Amino acid sequence: LFILPIVFYAWLTGFGGDLLITDQETSFT
């Protein structure tokens, strides 16, 4: 409950950087 609203806020505003650090050459499995 503490972290979920912060994650949602970060998703909307970009706070704290990208939630997912994408790299097309890297497998996320």
PDB file of all heavy atoms in Angstrom:
ATOM      1  N   LEU A   1       0.818  -1.210   0.000  1.00  0.00           N
ATOM      2  CA  LEU A   1       0.000   0.000   0.000  1.00  0.00           C
ATOM      3  C   LEU A   1       0.857   1.267   0.000  1.00  0.00           C
ATOM      4  O   LEU A   1       0.452   2.294  -0.540  1.00  0.00           O
ATOM      5  CB  LEU A   1      -0.932   0.002   1.208  1.00  0.00           C
ATOM      6  CG  LEU A   1      -2.054  -1.036   1.192  1.00  0.00           C
ATOM      7  CD1 LEU A   1      -2.891  -0.928   2.469  1.00  0.00           C
ATOM      8  CD2 LEU A   1      -2.939  -0.846  -0.036  1.00  0.00           C
ATOM      9  N   PHE A   2       2.035   1.187   0.613  1.00  0.00           N
ATOM     10  CA  PHE A   2       2.920   2.351   0.651  1.00  0.00           C
ATOM     11  C   PHE A   2       3.565   2.609  -0.708  1.00  0.00           C
ATOM     12  O   PHE A   2       3.640   3.747  -1.172  1.00  0.00           O
ATOM     13  CB  PHE A   2       4.003   2.141   1.715  1.00  0.00           C
ATOM     14  CG  PHE A   2       5.130   3.135   1.651  1.00  0.00           C
ATOM     15  CD1 PHE A   2       4.929   4.468   1.968  1.00  0.00           C
ATOM     16  CD2 PHE A   2       6.409   2.734   1.266  1.00  0.00           C
ATOM     17  CE1 PHE A   2       5.968   5.386   1.909  1.00  0.00           C
ATOM     18  CE2 PHE A   2       7.448   3.641   1.204  1.00  0.00           C
ATOM     19  CZ  PHE A   2       7.223   4.982   1.529  1.00  0.00           C
ATOM     20  N   ILE A   3       4.018   1.547  -1.369  1.00  0.00           N
ATOM     21  CA  ILE A   3       4.807   1.717  -2.585  1.00  0.00           C
ATOM     22  C   ILE A   3       3.934   1.867  -3.837  1.00  0.00           C
ATOM     23  O   ILE A   3       4.290   2.597  -4.764  1.00  0.00           O
ATOM     24  CB  ILE A   3       5.793   0.539  -2.758  1.00  0.00           C
ATOM     25  CG1 ILE A   3       6.736   0.478  -1.558  1.00  0.00           C
ATOM     26  CG2 ILE A   3       6.610   0.686  -4.037  1.00  0.00           C
ATOM     27  CD1 ILE A   3       7.622  -0.750  -1.523  1.00  0.00           C
ATOM     28  N   LEU A   4       2.767   1.185  -3.869  1.00  0.00           N
ATOM     29  CA  LEU A   4       1.935   1.207  -5.073  1.00  0.00           C
ATOM     30  C   LEU A   4       1.557   2.619  -5.536  1.00  0.00           C
ATOM     31  O   LEU A   4       1.694   2.925  -6.733  1.00  0.00           O
ATOM     32  CB  LEU A   4       0.674   0.358  -4.865  1.00  0.00           C
ATOM     33  CG  LEU A   4      -0.260   0.241  -6.076  1.00  0.00           C
ATOM     34  CD1 LEU A   4       0.490  -0.352  -7.275  1.00  0.00           C
ATOM     35  CD2 LEU A   4      -1.487  -0.604  -5.739  1.00  0.00           C
ATOM     36  N   PRO A   5       1.099   3.519  -4.657  1.00  0.00           N
ATOM     37  CA  PRO A   5       0.777   4.883  -5.125  1.00  0.00           C
ATOM     38  C   PRO A   5       1.997   5.620  -5.682  1.00  0.00           C
ATOM     39  O   PRO A   5       1.869   6.408  -6.629  1.00  0.00           O
ATOM     40  CB  PRO A   5       0.254   5.578  -3.860  1.00  0.00           C
ATOM     41  CG  PRO A   5      -0.168   4.488  -2.954  1.00  0.00           C
ATOM     42  CD  PRO A   5       0.763   3.350  -3.233  1.00  0.00           C
ATOM     43  N   ILE A   6       3.192   5.345  -5.103  1.00  0.00           N
ATOM     44  CA  ILE A   6       4.405   5.992  -5.600  1.00  0.00           C
ATOM     45  C   ILE A   6       4.742   5.476  -6.998  1.00  0.00           C
ATOM     46  O   ILE A   6       5.151   6.233  -7.883  1.00  0.00           O
ATOM     47  CB  ILE A   6       5.586   5.746  -4.630  1.00  0.00           C
ATOM     48  CG1 ILE A   6       5.232   6.236  -3.223  1.00  0.00           C
ATOM     49  CG2 ILE A   6       6.841   6.455  -5.122  1.00  0.00           C
ATOM     50  CD1 ILE A   6       6.299   5.936  -2.191  1.00  0.00           C
ATOM     51  N   VAL A   7       4.558   4.152  -7.201  1.00  0.00           N
ATOM     52  CA  VAL A   7       4.790   3.567  -8.530  1.00  0.00           C
ATOM     53  C   VAL A   7       3.824   4.169  -9.544  1.00  0.00           C
ATOM     54  O   VAL A   7       4.208   4.515 -10.672  1.00  0.00           O
ATOM     55  CB  VAL A   7       4.622   2.030  -8.480  1.00  0.00           C
ATOM     56  CG1 VAL A   7       4.632   1.438  -9.884  1.00  0.00           C
ATOM     57  CG2 VAL A   7       5.725   1.400  -7.642  1.00  0.00           C
ATOM     58  N   PHE A   8       2.564   4.322  -9.162  1.00  0.00           N
ATOM     59  CA  PHE A   8       1.561   4.893 -10.062  1.00  0.00           C
ATOM     60  C   PHE A   8       1.903   6.342 -10.406  1.00  0.00           C
ATOM     61  O   PHE A   8       1.823   6.760 -11.570  1.00  0.00           O
ATOM     62  CB  PHE A   8       0.179   4.813  -9.409  1.00  0.00           C
ATOM     63  CG  PHE A   8      -0.941   5.259 -10.308  1.00  0.00           C
ATOM     64  CD1 PHE A   8      -1.298   4.514 -11.420  1.00  0.00           C
ATOM     65  CD2 PHE A   8      -1.634   6.431 -10.036  1.00  0.00           C
ATOM     66  CE1 PHE A   8      -2.331   4.918 -12.249  1.00  0.00           C
ATOM     67  CE2 PHE A   8      -2.669   6.849 -10.860  1.00  0.00           C
ATOM     68  CZ  PHE A   8      -3.020   6.086 -11.975  1.00  0.00           C
ATOM     69  N   TYR A   9       2.332   7.095  -9.384  1.00  0.00           N
ATOM     70  CA  TYR A   9       2.734   8.487  -9.606  1.00  0.00           C
ATOM     71  C   TYR A   9       3.956   8.557 -10.526  1.00  0.00           C
ATOM     72  O   TYR A   9       4.028   9.400 -11.427  1.00  0.00           O
ATOM     73  CB  TYR A   9       3.035   9.156  -8.265  1.00  0.00           C
ATOM     74  CG  TYR A   9       3.547  10.577  -8.386  1.00  0.00           C
ATOM     75  CD1 TYR A   9       2.685  11.631  -8.642  1.00  0.00           C
ATOM     76  CD2 TYR A   9       4.913  10.855  -8.229  1.00  0.00           C
ATOM     77  CE1 TYR A   9       3.150  12.940  -8.746  1.00  0.00           C
ATOM     78  CE2 TYR A   9       5.388  12.143  -8.338  1.00  0.00           C
ATOM     79  CZ  TYR A   9       4.506  13.180  -8.593  1.00  0.00           C
ATOM     80  OH  TYR A   9       4.981  14.473  -8.706  1.00  0.00           O
ATOM     81  N   ALA A  10       4.900   7.637 -10.316  1.00  0.00           N
ATOM     82  CA  ALA A  10       6.099   7.604 -11.163  1.00  0.00           C
ATOM     83  C   ALA A  10       5.749   7.263 -12.597  1.00  0.00           C
ATOM     84  O   ALA A  10       6.334   7.798 -13.550  1.00  0.00           O
ATOM     85  CB  ALA A  10       7.105   6.588 -10.598  1.00  0.00           C
ATOM     86  N   TRP A  11       4.772   6.376 -12.778  1.00  0.00           N
ATOM     87  CA  TRP A  11       4.334   5.993 -14.123  1.00  0.00           C
ATOM     88  C   TRP A  11       3.694   7.176 -14.844  1.00  0.00           C
ATOM     89  O   TRP A  11       3.902   7.385 -16.035  1.00  0.00           O
ATOM     90  CB  TRP A  11       3.352   4.835 -14.016  1.00  0.00           C
ATOM     91  CG  TRP A  11       2.749   4.423 -15.327  1.00  0.00           C
ATOM     92  CD1 TRP A  11       3.398   3.899 -16.410  1.00  0.00           C
ATOM     93  CD2 TRP A  11       1.371   4.523 -15.705  1.00  0.00           C
ATOM     94  NE1 TRP A  11       2.513   3.664 -17.432  1.00  0.00           N
ATOM     95  CE2 TRP A  11       1.257   4.024 -17.030  1.00  0.00           C
ATOM     96  CE3 TRP A  11       0.215   4.958 -15.044  1.00  0.00           C
ATOM     97  CZ2 TRP A  11       0.036   3.973 -17.697  1.00  0.00           C
ATOM     98  CZ3 TRP A  11      -1.004   4.894 -15.701  1.00  0.00           C
ATOM     99  CH2 TRP A  11      -1.081   4.417 -17.020  1.00  0.00           C
ATOM    100  N   LEU A  12       2.951   8.003 -14.102  1.00  0.00           N
ATOM    101  CA  LEU A  12       2.273   9.149 -14.709  1.00  0.00           C
ATOM    102  C   LEU A  12       3.224  10.303 -15.002  1.00  0.00           C
ATOM    103  O   LEU A  12       3.080  11.005 -16.013  1.00  0.00           O
ATOM    104  CB  LEU A  12       1.148   9.648 -13.795  1.00  0.00           C
ATOM    105  CG  LEU A  12      -0.083   8.747 -13.651  1.00  0.00           C
ATOM    106  CD1 LEU A  12      -1.051   9.342 -12.634  1.00  0.00           C
ATOM    107  CD2 LEU A  12      -0.767   8.559 -15.000  1.00  0.00           C
ATOM    108  N   THR A  13       4.194  10.507 -14.118  1.00  0.00           N
ATOM    109  CA  THR A  13       5.027  11.707 -14.204  1.00  0.00           C
ATOM    110  C   THR A  13       6.468  11.442 -14.622  1.00  0.00           C
ATOM    111  O   THR A  13       7.199  12.387 -14.930  1.00  0.00           O
ATOM    112  CB  THR A  13       5.047  12.427 -12.842  1.00  0.00           C
ATOM    113  OG1 THR A  13       5.685  11.583 -11.869  1.00  0.00           O
ATOM    114  CG2 THR A  13       3.629  12.758 -12.375  1.00  0.00           C
ATOM    115  N   GLY A  14       6.902  10.190 -14.580  1.00  0.00           N
ATOM    116  CA  GLY A  14       8.306   9.895 -14.868  1.00  0.00           C
ATOM    117  C   GLY A  14       9.205  10.123 -13.674  1.00  0.00           C
ATOM    118  O   GLY A  14      10.435  10.123 -13.801  1.00  0.00           O
ATOM    119  N   PHE A  15       8.616  10.305 -12.484  1.00  0.00           N
ATOM    120  CA  PHE A  15       9.384  10.511 -11.261  1.00  0.00           C
ATOM    121  C   PHE A  15      10.293   9.314 -10.995  1.00  0.00           C
ATOM    122  O   PHE A  15       9.858   8.165 -11.028  1.00  0.00           O
ATOM    123  CB  PHE A  15       8.434  10.709 -10.072  1.00  0.00           C
ATOM    124  CG  PHE A  15       9.103  10.656  -8.728  1.00  0.00           C
ATOM    125  CD1 PHE A  15       9.845  11.721  -8.259  1.00  0.00           C
ATOM    126  CD2 PHE A  15       8.983   9.526  -7.928  1.00  0.00           C
ATOM    127  CE1 PHE A  15      10.455  11.669  -7.013  1.00  0.00           C
ATOM    128  CE2 PHE A  15       9.588   9.468  -6.680  1.00  0.00           C
ATOM    129  CZ  PHE A  15      10.324  10.544  -6.233  1.00  0.00           C
ATOM    130  N   GLY A  16      11.562   9.581 -10.755  1.00  0.00           N
ATOM    131  CA  GLY A  16      12.503   8.503 -10.441  1.00  0.00           C
ATOM    132  C   GLY A  16      13.008   7.730 -11.651  1.00  0.00           C
ATOM    133  O   GLY A  16      13.667   6.722 -11.495  1.00  0.00           O
ATOM    134  N   GLY A  17      12.692   8.199 -12.849  1.00  0.00           N
ATOM    135  CA  GLY A  17      13.159   7.504 -14.057  1.00  0.00           C
ATOM    136  C   GLY A  17      12.153   6.482 -14.552  1.00  0.00           C
ATOM    137  O   GLY A  17      11.066   6.310 -14.002  1.00  0.00           O
ATOM    138  N   ASP A  18      12.505   5.806 -15.621  1.00  0.00           N
ATOM    139  CA  ASP A  18      11.625   4.810 -16.223  1.00  0.00           C
ATOM    140  C   ASP A  18      11.422   3.625 -15.272  1.00  0.00           C
ATOM    141  O   ASP A  18      12.368   3.169 -14.617  1.00  0.00           O
ATOM    142  CB  ASP A  18      12.203   4.299 -17.539  1.00  0.00           C
ATOM    143  CG  ASP A  18      12.269   5.393 -18.609  1.00  0.00           C
ATOM    144  OD1 ASP A  18      11.442   6.324 -18.531  1.00  0.00           O
ATOM    145  OD2 ASP A  18      13.149   5.304 -19.484  1.00  0.00           O
ATOM    146  N   LEU A  19      10.177   3.126 -15.220  1.00  0.00           N
ATOM    147  CA  LEU A  19       9.893   1.943 -14.411  1.00  0.00           C
ATOM    148  C   LEU A  19      10.532   0.706 -15.017  1.00  0.00           C
ATOM    149  O   LEU A  19      10.956  -0.208 -14.308  1.00  0.00           O
ATOM    150  CB  LEU A  19       8.378   1.740 -14.275  1.00  0.00           C
ATOM    151  CG  LEU A  19       7.623   2.820 -13.497  1.00  0.00           C
ATOM    152  CD1 LEU A  19       6.132   2.518 -13.482  1.00  0.00           C
ATOM    153  CD2 LEU A  19       8.149   2.927 -12.067  1.00  0.00           C
ATOM    154  N   LEU A  20      10.603   0.679 -16.330  1.00  0.00           N
ATOM    155  CA  LEU A  20      11.223  -0.433 -17.049  1.00  0.00           C
ATOM    156  C   LEU A  20      12.353   0.115 -17.906  1.00  0.00           C
ATOM    157  O   LEU A  20      12.142   0.989 -18.745  1.00  0.00           O
ATOM    158  CB  LEU A  20      10.189  -1.131 -17.930  1.00  0.00           C
ATOM    159  CG  LEU A  20      10.670  -2.351 -18.716  1.00  0.00           C
ATOM    160  CD1 LEU A  20      11.023  -3.485 -17.764  1.00  0.00           C
ATOM    161  CD2 LEU A  20       9.595  -2.803 -19.703  1.00  0.00           C
ATOM    162  N   ILE A  21      13.576  -0.349 -17.653  1.00  0.00           N
ATOM    163  CA  ILE A  21      14.736   0.120 -18.404  1.00  0.00           C
ATOM    164  C   ILE A  21      14.864  -0.761 -19.641  1.00  0.00           C
ATOM    165  O   ILE A  21      15.379  -1.878 -19.580  1.00  0.00           O
ATOM    166  CB  ILE A  21      16.013   0.061 -17.532  1.00  0.00           C
ATOM    167  CG1 ILE A  21      15.805   0.889 -16.259  1.00  0.00           C
ATOM    168  CG2 ILE A  21      17.217   0.569 -18.301  1.00  0.00           C
ATOM    169  CD1 ILE A  21      16.916   0.748 -15.252  1.00  0.00           C
ATOM    170  N   THR A  22      14.346  -0.265 -20.749  1.00  0.00           N
ATOM    171  CA  THR A  22      14.235  -1.095 -21.949  1.00  0.00           C
ATOM    172  C   THR A  22      15.552  -1.188 -22.701  1.00  0.00           C
ATOM    173  O   THR A  22      16.331  -0.257 -22.751  1.00  0.00           O
ATOM    174  CB  THR A  22      13.156  -0.534 -22.890  1.00  0.00           C
ATOM    175  OG1 THR A  22      13.477   0.824 -23.204  1.00  0.00           O
ATOM    176  CG2 THR A  22      11.793  -0.577 -22.246  1.00  0.00           C
ATOM    177  N   ASP A  23      15.760  -2.347 -23.278  1.00  0.00           N
ATOM    178  CA  ASP A  23      16.920  -2.601 -24.129  1.00  0.00           C
ATOM    179  C   ASP A  23      16.515  -3.717 -25.082  1.00  0.00           C
ATOM    180  O   ASP A  23      16.317  -4.859 -24.678  1.00  0.00           O
ATOM    181  CB  ASP A  23      18.135  -3.020 -23.291  1.00  0.00           C
ATOM    182  CG  ASP A  23      19.384  -3.189 -24.146  1.00  0.00           C
ATOM    183  OD1 ASP A  23      19.262  -3.258 -25.379  1.00  0.00           O
ATOM    184  OD2 ASP A  23      20.489  -3.272 -23.570  1.00  0.00           O
ATOM    185  N   GLN A  24      16.373  -3.394 -26.355  1.00  0.00           N
ATOM    186  CA  GLN A  24      15.872  -4.362 -27.323  1.00  0.00           C
ATOM    187  C   GLN A  24      16.782  -5.580 -27.462  1.00  0.00           C
ATOM    188  O   GLN A  24      16.343  -6.645 -27.881  1.00  0.00           O
ATOM    189  CB  GLN A  24      15.694  -3.690 -28.691  1.00  0.00           C
ATOM    190  CG  GLN A  24      14.629  -2.607 -28.705  1.00  0.00           C
ATOM    191  CD  GLN A  24      14.464  -1.972 -30.069  1.00  0.00           C
ATOM    192  OE1 GLN A  24      15.248  -2.234 -30.980  1.00  0.00           O
ATOM    193  NE2 GLN A  24      13.454  -1.134 -30.229  1.00  0.00           N
ATOM    194  N   GLU A  25      18.062  -5.445 -27.130  1.00  0.00           N
ATOM    195  CA  GLU A  25      18.991  -6.555 -27.285  1.00  0.00           C
ATOM    196  C   GLU A  25      19.071  -7.436 -26.036  1.00  0.00           C
ATOM    197  O   GLU A  25      19.785  -8.418 -26.019  1.00  0.00           O
ATOM    198  CB  GLU A  25      20.390  -6.013 -27.617  1.00  0.00           C
ATOM    199  CG  GLU A  25      20.445  -5.244 -28.940  1.00  0.00           C
ATOM    200  CD  GLU A  25      21.854  -4.746 -29.236  1.00  0.00           C
ATOM    201  OE1 GLU A  25      22.742  -4.989 -28.393  1.00  0.00           O
ATOM    202  OE2 GLU A  25      22.055  -4.132 -30.288  1.00  0.00           O
ATOM    203  N   THR A  26      18.344  -7.059 -24.990  1.00  0.00           N
ATOM    204  CA  THR A  26      18.434  -7.789 -23.730  1.00  0.00           C
ATOM    205  C   THR A  26      17.139  -8.546 -23.458  1.00  0.00           C
ATOM    206  O   THR A  26      16.050  -8.000 -23.595  1.00  0.00           O
ATOM    207  CB  THR A  26      18.706  -6.806 -22.565  1.00  0.00           C
ATOM    208  OG1 THR A  26      19.914  -6.111 -22.837  1.00  0.00           O
ATOM    209  CG2 THR A  26      18.846  -7.555 -21.257  1.00  0.00           C
ATOM    210  N   SER A  27      17.270  -9.814 -23.083  1.00  0.00           N
ATOM    211  CA  SER A  27      16.102 -10.602 -22.708  1.00  0.00           C
ATOM    212  C   SER A  27      15.706 -10.279 -21.269  1.00  0.00           C
ATOM    213  O   SER A  27      16.552 -10.181 -20.383  1.00  0.00           O
ATOM    214  CB  SER A  27      16.426 -12.093 -22.826  1.00  0.00           C
ATOM    215  OG  SER A  27      15.398 -12.862 -22.255  1.00  0.00           O
ATOM    216  N   PHE A  28      14.408 -10.141 -21.057  1.00  0.00           N
ATOM    217  CA  PHE A  28      13.911  -9.825 -19.715  1.00  0.00           C
ATOM    218  C   PHE A  28      13.379 -11.068 -19.005  1.00  0.00           C
ATOM    219  O   PHE A  28      12.791 -10.962 -17.941  1.00  0.00           O
ATOM    220  CB  PHE A  28      12.803  -8.764 -19.803  1.00  0.00           C
ATOM    221  CG  PHE A  28      13.318  -7.357 -19.833  1.00  0.00           C
ATOM    222  CD1 PHE A  28      13.844  -6.827 -20.990  1.00  0.00           C
ATOM    223  CD2 PHE A  28      13.290  -6.572 -18.689  1.00  0.00           C
ATOM    224  CE1 PHE A  28      14.334  -5.529 -21.022  1.00  0.00           C
ATOM    225  CE2 PHE A  28      13.778  -5.276 -18.709  1.00  0.00           C
ATOM    226  CZ  PHE A  28      14.298  -4.749 -19.876  1.00  0.00           C
ATOM    227  N   THR A  29      13.608 -12.237 -19.578  1.00  0.00           N
ATOM    228  CA  THR A  29      13.062 -13.457 -18.988  1.00  0.00           C
ATOM    229  C   THR A  29      13.647 -13.721 -17.608  1.00  0.00           C
ATOM    230  O   THR A  29      12.913 -13.870 -16.617  1.00  0.00           O
ATOM    231  CB  THR A  29      13.326 -14.668 -19.902  1.00  0.00           C
ATOM    232  OG1 THR A  29      12.774 -14.413 -21.186  1.00  0.00           O
ATOM    233  CG2 THR A  29      12.696 -15.915 -19.304  1.00  0.00           C
TER     234      THR A  29
END
